[in-house]
C-alpha atoms as a PDB file:
ATOM      1  CA  UNK A   1      52.102  82.164 135.554  1.00  0.00           C
ATOM      2  CA  UNK A   2      52.455  80.385 132.211  1.00  0.00           C
ATOM      3  CA  UNK A   3      55.502  78.103 132.071  1.00  0.00           C
ATOM      4  CA  UNK A   4      57.583  77.861 128.904  1.00  0.00           C
ATOM      5  CA  UNK A   5      60.300  75.552 127.569  1.00  0.00           C
ATOM      6  CA  UNK A   6      62.579  76.546 124.685  1.00  0.00           C
ATOM      7  CA  UNK A   7      64.397  73.906 122.619  1.00  0.00           C
ATOM      8  CA  UNK A   8      66.996  74.974 120.057  1.00  0.00           C
ATOM      9  CA  UNK A   9      70.459  73.612 119.306  1.00  0.00           C
ATOM     10  CA  UNK A  10      71.680  77.107 118.398  1.00  0.00           C
ATOM     11  CA  UNK A  11      72.260  78.886 121.755  1.00  0.00           C
ATOM     12  CA  UNK A  12      72.181  82.431 120.347  1.00  0.00           C
ATOM     13  CA  UNK A  13      68.761  81.811 118.758  1.00  0.00           C
ATOM     14  CA  UNK A  14      67.441  80.314 121.991  1.00  0.00           C
ATOM     15  CA  UNK A  15      68.663  83.398 123.887  1.00  0.00           C
ATOM     16  CA  UNK A  16      67.095  85.721 121.319  1.00  0.00           C
ATOM     17  CA  UNK A  17      63.732  83.995 121.680  1.00  0.00           C
ATOM     18  CA  UNK A  18      64.023  84.079 125.470  1.00  0.00           C
ATOM     19  CA  UNK A  19      64.721  87.832 125.330  1.00  0.00           C
ATOM     20  CA  UNK A  20      61.653  88.358 123.129  1.00  0.00           C
ATOM     21  CA  UNK A  21      59.471  86.362 125.529  1.00  0.00           C
ATOM     22  CA  UNK A  22      60.577  88.645 128.376  1.00  0.00           C
ATOM     23  CA  UNK A  23      58.090  91.184 126.972  1.00  0.00           C
ATOM     24  CA  UNK A  24      55.345  89.009 128.496  1.00  0.00           C
ATOM     25  CA  UNK A  25      55.881  89.139 132.294  1.00  0.00           C
ATOM     26  CA  UNK A  26      53.246  86.445 132.848  1.00  0.00           C
ATOM     27  CA  UNK A  27      55.603  83.915 131.191  1.00  0.00           C
ATOM     28  CA  UNK A  28      58.300  81.999 133.033  1.00  0.00           C
ATOM     29  CA  UNK A  29      60.956  80.116 131.047  1.00  0.00           C
ATOM     30  CA  UNK A  30      61.541  76.974 133.102  1.00  0.00           C
ATOM     31  CA  UNK A  31      64.098  75.283 130.817  1.00  0.00           C
ATOM     32  CA  UNK A  32      66.186  75.780 127.679  1.00  0.00           C
ATOM     33  CA  UNK A  33      67.010  72.476 125.967  1.00  0.00           C
ATOM     34  CA  UNK A  34      69.937  72.075 123.563  1.00  0.00           C
ATOM     35  CA  UNK A  35      68.658  69.051 121.629  1.00  0.00           C
ATOM     36  CA  UNK A  36      65.580  66.921 121.039  1.00  0.00           C
ATOM     37  CA  UNK A  37      66.319  64.276 123.662  1.00  0.00           C
ATOM     38  CA  UNK A  38      66.854  66.888 126.366  1.00  0.00           C
ATOM     39  CA  UNK A  39      63.660  68.651 125.288  1.00  0.00           C
ATOM     40  CA  UNK A  40      61.624  65.432 125.564  1.00  0.00           C
ATOM     41  CA  UNK A  41      63.046  64.667 129.016  1.00  0.00           C
ATOM     42  CA  UNK A  42      62.473  68.196 130.342  1.00  0.00           C
ATOM     43  CA  UNK A  43      58.917  68.348 128.984  1.00  0.00           C
ATOM     44  CA  UNK A  44      58.124  65.014 130.662  1.00  0.00           C
ATOM     45  CA  UNK A  45      59.615  66.191 133.965  1.00  0.00           C
ATOM     46  CA  UNK A  46      58.366  69.797 134.060  1.00  0.00           C
ATOM     47  CA  UNK A  47      55.117  69.623 132.043  1.00  0.00           C
ATOM     48  CA  UNK A  48      55.406  73.242 130.837  1.00  0.00           C
ATOM     49  CA  UNK A  49      52.340  74.976 129.446  1.00  0.00           C
ATOM     50  CA  UNK A  50      54.100  75.841 126.174  1.00  0.00           C
ATOM     51  CA  UNK A  51      57.104  74.358 124.368  1.00  0.00           C
ATOM     52  CA  UNK A  52      58.825  76.422 121.676  1.00  0.00           C
ATOM     53  CA  UNK A  53      60.526  73.747 119.558  1.00  0.00           C
ATOM     54  CA  UNK A  54      63.056  74.032 116.776  1.00  0.00           C
ATOM     55  CA  UNK A  55      62.435  71.298 114.190  1.00  0.00           C
ATOM     56  CA  UNK A  56      65.896  70.187 113.098  1.00  0.00           C
ATOM     57  CA  UNK A  57      67.732  69.234 116.295  1.00  0.00           C
ATOM     58  CA  UNK A  58      70.178  66.452 117.231  1.00  0.00           C
ATOM     59  CA  UNK A  59      68.783  63.304 118.841  1.00  0.00           C
ATOM     60  CA  UNK A  60      65.112  63.929 118.078  1.00  0.00           C
ATOM     61  CA  UNK A  61      63.507  66.397 115.719  1.00  0.00           C
ATOM     62  CA  UNK A  62      61.006  68.863 117.094  1.00  0.00           C
ATOM     63  CA  UNK A  63      58.251  66.925 115.317  1.00  0.00           C
ATOM     64  CA  UNK A  64      59.310  63.713 117.099  1.00  0.00           C
ATOM     65  CA  UNK A  65      59.422  65.518 120.441  1.00  0.00           C
ATOM     66  CA  UNK A  66      55.899  66.838 119.868  1.00  0.00           C
ATOM     67  CA  UNK A  67      54.697  63.381 118.841  1.00  0.00           C
ATOM     68  CA  UNK A  68      55.878  61.974 122.168  1.00  0.00           C
ATOM     69  CA  UNK A  69      54.227  64.571 124.442  1.00  0.00           C
ATOM     70  CA  UNK A  70      51.659  62.865 126.656  1.00  0.00           C
ATOM     71  CA  UNK A  71      50.663  65.755 128.915  1.00  0.00           C
ATOM     72  CA  UNK A  72      48.896  69.065 128.271  1.00  0.00           C
ATOM     73  CA  UNK A  73      51.930  70.927 126.904  1.00  0.00           C
ATOM     74  CA  UNK A  74      51.043  72.954 123.809  1.00  0.00           C
ATOM     75  CA  UNK A  75      53.627  73.337 121.038  1.00  0.00           C
ATOM     76  CA  UNK A  76      54.847  76.272 118.955  1.00  0.00           C
ATOM     77  CA  UNK A  77      57.360  75.329 116.246  1.00  0.00           C
ATOM     78  CA  UNK A  78      60.126  77.860 115.580  1.00  0.00           C
ATOM     79  CA  UNK A  79      62.176  76.943 112.521  1.00  0.00           C
ATOM     80  CA  UNK A  80      64.081  78.237 109.521  1.00  0.00           C
ATOM     81  CA  UNK A  81      62.273  75.775 107.238  1.00  0.00           C
ATOM     82  CA  UNK A  82      58.786  76.257 105.852  1.00  0.00           C
ATOM     83  CA  UNK A  83      58.278  72.762 104.411  1.00  0.00           C
ATOM     84  CA  UNK A  84      57.252  71.135 107.707  1.00  0.00           C
ATOM     85  CA  UNK A  85      54.069  73.169 108.221  1.00  0.00           C
ATOM     86  CA  UNK A  86      51.705  70.322 107.329  1.00  0.00           C
ATOM     87  CA  UNK A  87      53.376  67.877 109.737  1.00  0.00           C
ATOM     88  CA  UNK A  88      53.438  70.579 112.402  1.00  0.00           C
ATOM     89  CA  UNK A  89      49.717  71.115 112.119  1.00  0.00           C
ATOM     90  CA  UNK A  90      49.228  67.323 112.302  1.00  0.00           C
ATOM     91  CA  UNK A  91      50.880  67.551 115.744  1.00  0.00           C
ATOM     92  CA  UNK A  92      48.223  70.128 116.761  1.00  0.00           C
ATOM     93  CA  UNK A  93      50.732  72.960 116.887  1.00  0.00           C
ATOM     94  CA  UNK A  94      49.428  76.270 118.170  1.00  0.00           C
ATOM     95  CA  UNK A  95      51.630  78.119 115.683  1.00  0.00           C
ATOM     96  CA  UNK A  96      54.480  77.734 113.179  1.00  0.00           C
ATOM     97  CA  UNK A  97      56.970  80.616 113.271  1.00  0.00           C
ATOM     98  CA  UNK A  98      59.811  81.122 110.799  1.00  0.00           C
ATOM     99  CA  UNK A  99      63.243  82.300 111.920  1.00  0.00           C
ATOM    100  CA  UNK A 100      64.470  84.890 112.490  1.00  0.00           C
ATOM    101  CA  UNK A 101      61.670  85.535 114.967  1.00  0.00           C
ATOM    102  CA  UNK A 102      60.329  89.089 114.913  1.00  0.00           C
ATOM    103  CA  UNK A 103      58.639  90.621 117.933  1.00  0.00           C
ATOM    104  CA  UNK A 104      55.504  91.638 116.044  1.00  0.00           C
ATOM    105  CA  UNK A 105      55.149  88.068 114.691  1.00  0.00           C
ATOM    106  CA  UNK A 106      55.629  86.694 118.205  1.00  0.00           C
ATOM    107  CA  UNK A 107      52.816  88.982 119.380  1.00  0.00           C
ATOM    108  CA  UNK A 108      50.385  87.102 117.125  1.00  0.00           C
ATOM    109  CA  UNK A 109      51.767  83.811 118.399  1.00  0.00           C
ATOM    110  CA  UNK A 110      51.167  84.799 122.011  1.00  0.00           C
ATOM    111  CA  UNK A 111      47.577  85.768 121.215  1.00  0.00           C
ATOM    112  CA  UNK A 112      47.005  82.259 119.823  1.00  0.00           C
ATOM    113  CA  UNK A 113      48.764  80.712 122.806  1.00  0.00           C
ATOM    114  CA  UNK A 114      46.501  82.596 125.204  1.00  0.00           C
ATOM    115  CA  UNK A 115      43.400  81.456 123.318  1.00  0.00           C
ATOM    116  CA  UNK A 116      44.634  77.853 123.278  1.00  0.00           C
ATOM    117  CA  UNK A 117      45.347  77.858 127.015  1.00  0.00           C
ATOM    118  CA  UNK A 118      41.989  79.475 127.736  1.00  0.00           C
ATOM    119  CA  UNK A 119      40.230  76.755 125.760  1.00  0.00           C
ATOM    120  CA  UNK A 120      42.131  74.066 127.663  1.00  0.00           C
ATOM    121  CA  UNK A 121      41.107  75.485 131.048  1.00  0.00           C
ATOM    122  CA  UNK A 122      38.060  73.748 132.591  1.00  0.00           C
ATOM    123  CA  UNK A 123      34.919  75.883 132.472  1.00  0.00           C
ATOM    124  CA  UNK A 124      31.715  75.189 134.391  1.00  0.00           C
ATOM    125  CA  UNK A 125      28.812  75.128 131.924  1.00  0.00           C
ATOM    126  CA  UNK A 126      25.227  75.305 133.228  1.00  0.00           C
ATOM    127  CA  UNK A 127      23.262  72.210 132.136  1.00  0.00           C
ATOM    128  CA  UNK A 128      20.624  74.263 130.301  1.00  0.00           C
ATOM    129  CA  UNK A 129      23.071  76.385 128.271  1.00  0.00           C
ATOM    130  CA  UNK A 130      22.947  74.358 125.052  1.00  0.00           C
ATOM    131  CA  UNK A 131      23.064  77.536 122.948  1.00  0.00           C
ATOM    132  CA  UNK A 132      26.257  78.631 124.695  1.00  0.00           C
ATOM    133  CA  UNK A 133      27.827  75.223 124.047  1.00  0.00           C
ATOM    134  CA  UNK A 134      26.951  75.478 120.353  1.00  0.00           C
ATOM    135  CA  UNK A 135      28.555  78.930 120.266  1.00  0.00           C
ATOM    136  CA  UNK A 136      31.761  77.556 121.818  1.00  0.00           C
ATOM    137  CA  UNK A 137      31.902  74.799 119.216  1.00  0.00           C
ATOM    138  CA  UNK A 138      31.459  77.371 116.467  1.00  0.00           C
ATOM    139  CA  UNK A 139      34.261  79.499 117.947  1.00  0.00           C
ATOM    140  CA  UNK A 140      36.571  76.456 117.999  1.00  0.00           C
ATOM    141  CA  UNK A 141      35.843  75.803 114.329  1.00  0.00           C
ATOM    142  CA  UNK A 142      36.568  79.436 113.465  1.00  0.00           C
ATOM    143  CA  UNK A 143      39.865  79.356 115.386  1.00  0.00           C
ATOM    144  CA  UNK A 144      40.890  76.163 113.577  1.00  0.00           C
ATOM    145  CA  UNK A 145      40.151  77.788 110.230  1.00  0.00           C
ATOM    146  CA  UNK A 146      42.151  80.895 111.190  1.00  0.00           C
ATOM    147  CA  UNK A 147      45.209  78.850 112.191  1.00  0.00           C
ATOM    148  CA  UNK A 148      45.052  76.880 108.935  1.00  0.00           C
ATOM    149  CA  UNK A 149      44.987  80.101 106.943  1.00  0.00           C
ATOM    150  CA  UNK A 150      47.944  81.528 108.870  1.00  0.00           C
ATOM    151  CA  UNK A 151      50.188  78.501 108.274  1.00  0.00           C
ATOM    152  CA  UNK A 152      52.712  78.999 105.454  1.00  0.00           C
ATOM    153  CA  UNK A 153      51.812  77.265 102.202  1.00  0.00           C
ATOM    154  CA  UNK A 154      53.422  73.790 102.315  1.00  0.00           C
ATOM    155  CA  UNK A 155      55.974  72.609  99.820  1.00  0.00           C
ATOM    156  CA  UNK A 156      54.551  69.812  97.563  1.00  0.00           C
ATOM    157  CA  UNK A 157      56.947  67.293  99.129  1.00  0.00           C
ATOM    158  CA  UNK A 158      55.643  68.230 102.568  1.00  0.00           C
ATOM    159  CA  UNK A 159      52.070  67.620 101.453  1.00  0.00           C
ATOM    160  CA  UNK A 160      53.077  64.146 100.355  1.00  0.00           C
ATOM    161  CA  UNK A 161      54.754  63.548 103.698  1.00  0.00           C
ATOM    162  CA  UNK A 162      51.577  64.709 105.465  1.00  0.00           C
ATOM    163  CA  UNK A 163      49.532  62.149 103.539  1.00  0.00           C
ATOM    164  CA  UNK A 164      51.986  59.403 104.541  1.00  0.00           C
ATOM    165  CA  UNK A 165      53.550  60.525 107.840  1.00  0.00           C
ATOM    166  CA  UNK A 166      56.868  59.063 108.886  1.00  0.00           C
ATOM    167  CA  UNK A 167      56.406  56.000 111.116  1.00  0.00           C
ATOM    168  CA  UNK A 168      57.035  56.324 114.835  1.00  0.00           C
ATOM    169  CA  UNK A 169      60.745  56.000 115.665  1.00  0.00           C
ATOM    170  CA  UNK A 170      60.892  56.613 119.435  1.00  0.00           C
ATOM    171  CA  UNK A 171      58.613  56.270 122.435  1.00  0.00           C
ATOM    172  CA  UNK A 172      58.975  57.924 125.822  1.00  0.00           C
ATOM    173  CA  UNK A 173      58.402  55.071 128.242  1.00  0.00           C
ATOM    174  CA  UNK A 174      58.612  54.739 132.015  1.00  0.00           C
ATOM    175  CA  UNK A 175      60.457  52.191 134.100  1.00  0.00           C
ATOM    176  CA  UNK A 176      60.129  52.820 137.806  1.00  0.00           C
ATOM    177  CA  UNK A 177      60.590  56.542 138.418  1.00  0.00           C
ATOM    178  CA  UNK A 178      62.633  57.099 135.249  1.00  0.00           C
ATOM    179  CA  UNK A 179      61.447  58.044 131.763  1.00  0.00           C
ATOM    180  CA  UNK A 180      63.465  56.546 128.900  1.00  0.00           C
ATOM    181  CA  UNK A 181      63.720  57.247 125.185  1.00  0.00           C
ATOM    182  CA  UNK A 182      63.213  53.808 123.621  1.00  0.00           C
ATOM    183  CA  UNK A 183      63.963  53.241 119.934  1.00  0.00           C
ATOM    184  CA  UNK A 184      60.942  51.556 118.358  1.00  0.00           C
ATOM    185  CA  UNK A 185      63.202  49.270 116.308  1.00  0.00           C
ATOM    186  CA  UNK A 186      64.509  47.776 119.583  1.00  0.00           C
ATOM    187  CA  UNK A 187      61.016  46.873 120.804  1.00  0.00           C
ATOM    188  CA  UNK A 188      60.239  43.140 120.630  1.00  0.00           C
ATOM    189  CA  UNK A 189      56.507  43.676 121.098  1.00  0.00           C
ATOM    190  CA  UNK A 190      53.868  45.966 122.606  1.00  0.00           C
ATOM    191  CA  UNK A 191      51.220  44.458 124.878  1.00  0.00           C
ATOM    192  CA  UNK A 192      48.201  46.180 126.419  1.00  0.00           C
ATOM    193  CA  UNK A 193      47.913  45.741 130.192  1.00  0.00           C
ATOM    194  CA  UNK A 194      44.869  47.433 131.750  1.00  0.00           C
ATOM    195  CA  UNK A 195      45.551  51.206 131.750  1.00  0.00           C
ATOM    196  CA  UNK A 196      49.050  50.895 130.274  1.00  0.00           C
ATOM    197  CA  UNK A 197      50.825  49.410 127.281  1.00  0.00           C
ATOM    198  CA  UNK A 198      53.943  47.357 128.034  1.00  0.00           C
ATOM    199  CA  UNK A 199      56.943  48.046 125.805  1.00  0.00           C
ATOM    200  CA  UNK A 200      59.140  44.930 125.827  1.00  0.00           C
ATOM    201  CA  UNK A 201      62.759  45.089 124.671  1.00  0.00           C
ATOM    202  CA  UNK A 202      65.431  42.410 124.990  1.00  0.00           C
ATOM    203  CA  UNK A 203      66.790  44.194 128.064  1.00  0.00           C
ATOM    204  CA  UNK A 204      63.744  45.480 129.959  1.00  0.00           C
ATOM    205  CA  UNK A 205      60.026  46.192 130.101  1.00  0.00           C
ATOM    206  CA  UNK A 206      58.719  49.772 130.056  1.00  0.00           C
ATOM    207  CA  UNK A 207      55.262  51.326 130.284  1.00  0.00           C
ATOM    208  CA  UNK A 208      53.452  53.911 128.186  1.00  0.00           C
ATOM    209  CA  UNK A 209      49.856  55.168 128.255  1.00  0.00           C
ATOM    210  CA  UNK A 210      49.292  55.106 124.479  1.00  0.00           C
ATOM    211  CA  UNK A 211      46.544  52.574 123.556  1.00  0.00           C
ATOM    212  CA  UNK A 212      47.416  49.715 121.233  1.00  0.00           C
ATOM    213  CA  UNK A 213      45.040  51.031 118.548  1.00  0.00           C
ATOM    214  CA  UNK A 214      46.803  54.410 118.504  1.00  0.00           C
ATOM    215  CA  UNK A 215      50.219  52.732 118.368  1.00  0.00           C
ATOM    216  CA  UNK A 216      49.202  50.544 115.432  1.00  0.00           C
ATOM    217  CA  UNK A 217      48.302  53.649 113.436  1.00  0.00           C
ATOM    218  CA  UNK A 218      51.752  55.185 114.041  1.00  0.00           C
ATOM    219  CA  UNK A 219      53.973  52.149 113.403  1.00  0.00           C
ATOM    220  CA  UNK A 220      55.377  50.912 110.096  1.00  0.00           C
ATOM    221  CA  UNK A 221      52.855  48.234 108.989  1.00  0.00           C
ATOM    222  CA  UNK A 222      55.572  46.388 107.054  1.00  0.00           C
ATOM    223  CA  UNK A 223      57.559  45.814 110.240  1.00  0.00           C
ATOM    224  CA  UNK A 224      54.987  45.783 113.071  1.00  0.00           C
ATOM    225  CA  UNK A 225      52.020  43.430 112.948  1.00  0.00           C
ATOM    226  CA  UNK A 226      49.090  43.382 115.291  1.00  0.00           C
ATOM    227  CA  UNK A 227      48.561  39.711 116.166  1.00  0.00           C
ATOM    228  CA  UNK A 228      45.960  40.159 118.891  1.00  0.00           C
ATOM    229  CA  UNK A 229      43.711  43.005 120.029  1.00  0.00           C
ATOM    230  CA  UNK A 230      46.238  43.558 122.839  1.00  0.00           C
ATOM    231  CA  UNK A 231      49.545  42.737 121.078  1.00  0.00           C
ATOM    232  CA  UNK A 232      51.754  44.162 118.321  1.00  0.00           C
ATOM    233  CA  UNK A 233      54.962  42.300 117.398  1.00  0.00           C
ATOM    234  CA  UNK A 234      58.127  43.465 115.652  1.00  0.00           C
ATOM    235  CA  UNK A 235      58.694  41.127 112.696  1.00  0.00           C
ATOM    236  CA  UNK A 236      62.430  41.798 112.811  1.00  0.00           C
ATOM    237  CA  UNK A 237      62.492  39.840 116.069  1.00  0.00           C
ATOM    238  CA  UNK A 238      60.128  37.050 115.044  1.00  0.00           C
ATOM    239  CA  UNK A 239      61.758  33.663 115.635  1.00  0.00           C
ATOM    240  CA  UNK A 240      59.072  31.051 114.885  1.00  0.00           C
ATOM    241  CA  UNK A 241      55.372  30.157 114.881  1.00  0.00           C
ATOM    242  CA  UNK A 242      53.656  27.107 116.383  1.00  0.00           C
ATOM    243  CA  UNK A 243      50.181  25.552 116.357  1.00  0.00           C
ATOM    244  CA  UNK A 244      48.903  23.577 119.326  1.00  0.00           C
ATOM    245  CA  UNK A 245      46.527  20.589 119.375  1.00  0.00           C
ATOM    246  CA  UNK A 246      43.521  22.902 119.008  1.00  0.00           C
ATOM    247  CA  UNK A 247      45.126  24.539 115.925  1.00  0.00           C
ATOM    248  CA  UNK A 248      45.678  27.803 117.800  1.00  0.00           C
ATOM    249  CA  UNK A 249      48.638  29.804 116.503  1.00  0.00           C
ATOM    250  CA  UNK A 250      51.455  31.173 118.684  1.00  0.00           C
ATOM    251  CA  UNK A 251      54.530  33.233 117.831  1.00  0.00           C
ATOM    252  CA  UNK A 252      57.894  33.166 119.545  1.00  0.00           C
ATOM    253  CA  UNK A 253      60.002  36.313 119.702  1.00  0.00           C
ATOM    254  CA  UNK A 254      63.793  36.279 119.822  1.00  0.00           C
ATOM    255  CA  UNK A 255      65.072  37.248 123.242  1.00  0.00           C
ATOM    256  CA  UNK A 256      61.780  36.497 124.995  1.00  0.00           C
ATOM    257  CA  UNK A 257      60.837  33.163 126.529  1.00  0.00           C
ATOM    258  CA  UNK A 258      57.029  33.421 126.462  1.00  0.00           C
ATOM    259  CA  UNK A 259      55.030  32.589 123.341  1.00  0.00           C
ATOM    260  CA  UNK A 260      52.424  35.106 122.252  1.00  0.00           C
ATOM    261  CA  UNK A 261      48.976  33.986 121.045  1.00  0.00           C
ATOM    262  CA  UNK A 262      47.685  35.026 117.613  1.00  0.00           C
ATOM    263  CA  UNK A 263      43.943  35.622 117.502  1.00  0.00           C
ATOM    264  CA  UNK A 264      41.858  34.206 114.644  1.00  0.00           C
ATOM    265  CA  UNK A 265      41.431  37.649 113.111  1.00  0.00           C
ATOM    266  CA  UNK A 266      45.181  37.827 112.393  1.00  0.00           C
ATOM    267  CA  UNK A 267      46.086  34.208 111.585  1.00  0.00           C
ATOM    268  CA  UNK A 268      45.881  34.913 107.853  1.00  0.00           C
ATOM    269  CA  UNK A 269      48.941  37.170 108.111  1.00  0.00           C
ATOM    270  CA  UNK A 270      51.150  34.151 108.703  1.00  0.00           C
ATOM    271  CA  UNK A 271      49.860  31.881 105.945  1.00  0.00           C
ATOM    272  CA  UNK A 272      52.633  32.898 103.570  1.00  0.00           C
ATOM    273  CA  UNK A 273      55.314  32.120 106.169  1.00  0.00           C
END
């Protein structure tokens, strides 16, 4: 069975989509979320195969929910707005469907979903089948081109947003057995720790699996500075800097007792301070 989550803040539209999906008996709808926060929590807990996400929802947008998915859940955006197509494709969406959803349009979506899930399934490849591997790569490229052609033409403002995507606003982070939605603006600093990245706020420490390098690319560079290969600090919480006897630079963060070292590669950032 293929498990499905639906997220839409308009209950009648969520029910309509669920009724349409009933035409595919191999699908099981495991949750219907009423807002973005609930969708993110249910996806983290249930790890559905497919999430049908509205884009404009309270709490978190569908794009933000998709950005925070860490498992194998594939995303189909279902929205009344066509201007988010570029951002949707940036989130590796399987499809982008405009409301009201028609059954024949959903048929094409399900064909793409089935191909996407089939590609994600592990396949044993004989060591000597290099030609077959090349054929698979070619098929992937063709599928990518098909999906790009099927996306609605983006509005010029959406193209500009795709070139400069909105900085990360939330992270889904774990503390003990609980997953939390942590506002990025509340984070004092991020620090890599073996397999995880620590997310330190004034109240608590959380863990995420996103590498520091990937985080740096998603954060607002005017507010978040990488000061070490393993550390990114929030300048809004910067309290002071200090040099020791060996001229090594350290930063102190408001609400946190421990100083953080600044590596030589990033010392120049603080010269104007």
